[in-house]
């Protein structure tokens, strides 16, 4: 069973930075390099929204308008890990952040890591 474990969340002041990691394991009949990876977030009372996504090879990525220019996404297929570098954080970035692995119609989710941006 594929497992995704996020880490790196925490409390940060506005303007600060955090780097989230999502480590994947448990691939039996596939491999991490076959999965497109993405980060979502969900704030209290709001729907889960896509923050950033990266292709299988890492050659292409896309971002929500709200984070463009501030967040970057990368992956290390040798370490089965995807990263979300978050800079110039704002209070409205406060949310639980989840990573997702997708291959065709199959999706796996992590348990989430909380990011709180507050002074």
Protein backbone atom coordinates (compact mmCIF):
# COMPACT_ATOMS: atom_id res chain seq x y z
CA UNK A 1 0.00 0.00 0.00
CA UNK A 2 1.36 3.37 -1.04
CA UNK A 3 1.93 5.76 1.85
CA UNK A 4 2.65 9.47 1.69
CA UNK A 5 4.05 11.23 4.73
CA UNK A 6 4.23 15.02 4.82
CA UNK A 7 6.55 16.96 7.07
CA UNK A 8 7.94 20.45 7.51
CA UNK A 9 4.87 22.33 8.59
CA UNK A 10 4.78 24.67 11.55
CA UNK A 11 4.26 28.20 12.76
CA UNK A 12 5.97 30.98 10.81
CA UNK A 13 5.71 34.74 10.77
CA UNK A 14 4.38 36.59 7.74
CA UNK A 15 7.13 36.96 5.16
CA UNK A 16 8.85 33.83 6.35
CA UNK A 17 9.58 30.57 4.57
CA UNK A 18 8.90 26.89 5.04
CA UNK A 19 9.83 23.81 3.06
CA UNK A 20 7.39 20.95 3.06
CA UNK A 21 8.42 17.43 2.18
CA UNK A 22 6.33 14.44 1.18
CA UNK A 23 8.01 11.05 1.30
CA UNK A 24 6.38 8.19 -0.57
CA UNK A 25 6.75 4.48 0.07
CA UNK A 26 5.03 1.16 -0.48
CA UNK A 27 5.12 0.89 -4.25
CA UNK A 28 4.69 -2.77 -5.13
CA UNK A 29 3.70 -2.97 -8.81
CA UNK A 30 4.68 0.55 -9.74
CA UNK A 31 7.25 3.12 -8.80
CA UNK A 32 7.25 6.62 -7.49
CA UNK A 33 8.54 7.91 -10.82
CA UNK A 34 5.25 6.84 -12.45
CA UNK A 35 3.20 9.24 -10.36
CA UNK A 36 2.47 12.89 -10.92
CA UNK A 37 2.72 14.68 -7.59
CA UNK A 38 0.86 17.65 -6.26
CA UNK A 39 0.26 19.70 -3.14
CA UNK A 40 -3.16 20.76 -1.94
CA UNK A 41 -4.24 22.78 1.03
CA UNK A 42 -7.39 23.15 3.05
CA UNK A 43 -8.16 25.99 5.39
CA UNK A 44 -10.88 25.68 8.05
CA UNK A 45 -14.31 26.06 6.50
CA UNK A 46 -12.94 26.01 2.97
CA UNK A 47 -12.66 23.40 0.26
CA UNK A 48 -9.40 21.69 -0.49
CA UNK A 49 -7.58 23.49 -3.28
CA UNK A 50 -4.70 22.68 -5.57
CA UNK A 51 -1.56 24.61 -4.72
CA UNK A 52 1.06 23.16 -7.04
CA UNK A 53 1.64 20.14 -9.24
CA UNK A 54 4.66 18.61 -10.89
CA UNK A 55 4.96 16.13 -13.71
CA UNK A 56 6.46 12.66 -13.55
CA UNK A 57 9.87 13.81 -14.70
CA UNK A 58 9.72 17.16 -12.95
CA UNK A 59 9.95 18.92 -16.26
CA UNK A 60 6.73 20.82 -15.89
CA UNK A 61 4.80 22.31 -13.03
CA UNK A 62 1.84 24.54 -12.39
CA UNK A 63 0.70 26.69 -9.50
CA UNK A 64 -2.40 28.30 -8.13
CA UNK A 65 -2.50 31.99 -8.95
CA UNK A 66 -2.41 32.82 -5.27
CA UNK A 67 1.05 31.28 -4.82
CA UNK A 68 2.73 32.00 -8.16
CA UNK A 69 6.10 33.62 -7.68
CA UNK A 70 6.23 32.61 -4.01
CA UNK A 71 6.07 28.80 -4.02
CA UNK A 72 8.11 26.28 -5.95
CA UNK A 73 7.62 22.55 -6.30
CA UNK A 74 10.31 19.99 -6.96
CA UNK A 75 10.79 16.25 -6.76
CA UNK A 76 13.64 13.86 -6.19
CA UNK A 77 12.72 10.54 -7.75
CA UNK A 78 15.77 8.88 -6.22
CA UNK A 79 14.41 9.72 -2.76
CA UNK A 80 10.71 9.24 -3.60
CA UNK A 81 10.10 12.73 -2.28
CA UNK A 82 8.34 15.86 -3.44
CA UNK A 83 8.99 19.27 -1.94
CA UNK A 84 7.09 22.51 -1.66
CA UNK A 85 9.24 25.55 -0.98
CA UNK A 86 7.08 28.34 0.35
CA UNK A 87 8.47 31.87 0.53
CA UNK A 88 6.96 35.22 1.43
CA UNK A 89 4.26 33.46 3.40
CA UNK A 90 1.05 35.28 4.14
CA UNK A 91 -1.59 34.69 6.81
CA UNK A 92 -3.94 33.47 4.09
CA UNK A 93 -1.53 30.61 3.39
CA UNK A 94 -2.54 29.13 6.73
CA UNK A 95 -3.97 25.67 6.08
CA UNK A 96 -3.37 21.96 6.31
CA UNK A 97 -1.19 20.97 3.37
CA UNK A 98 -1.58 17.58 1.72
CA UNK A 99 0.41 15.85 -0.97
CA UNK A 100 -1.15 13.63 -3.57
CA UNK A 101 0.27 11.01 -5.89
CA UNK A 102 -1.66 10.37 -9.08
CA UNK A 103 -1.32 7.73 -11.78
CA UNK A 104 -4.22 7.62 -14.15
CA UNK A 105 -7.37 7.35 -12.04
CA UNK A 106 -5.51 6.20 -8.94
CA UNK A 107 -4.86 8.78 -6.24
CA UNK A 108 -3.07 8.50 -2.93
CA UNK A 109 -3.15 11.16 -0.23
CA UNK A 110 -0.98 11.95 2.72
CA UNK A 111 -2.29 12.76 6.17
CA UNK A 112 -1.39 16.45 5.93
CA UNK A 113 0.86 18.89 7.73
CA UNK A 114 -0.32 22.12 9.30
CA UNK A 115 1.10 25.46 8.23
CA UNK A 116 0.22 28.49 10.31
CA UNK A 117 1.34 31.96 9.28
CA UNK A 118 0.90 34.41 12.11
CA UNK A 119 2.75 37.09 14.00
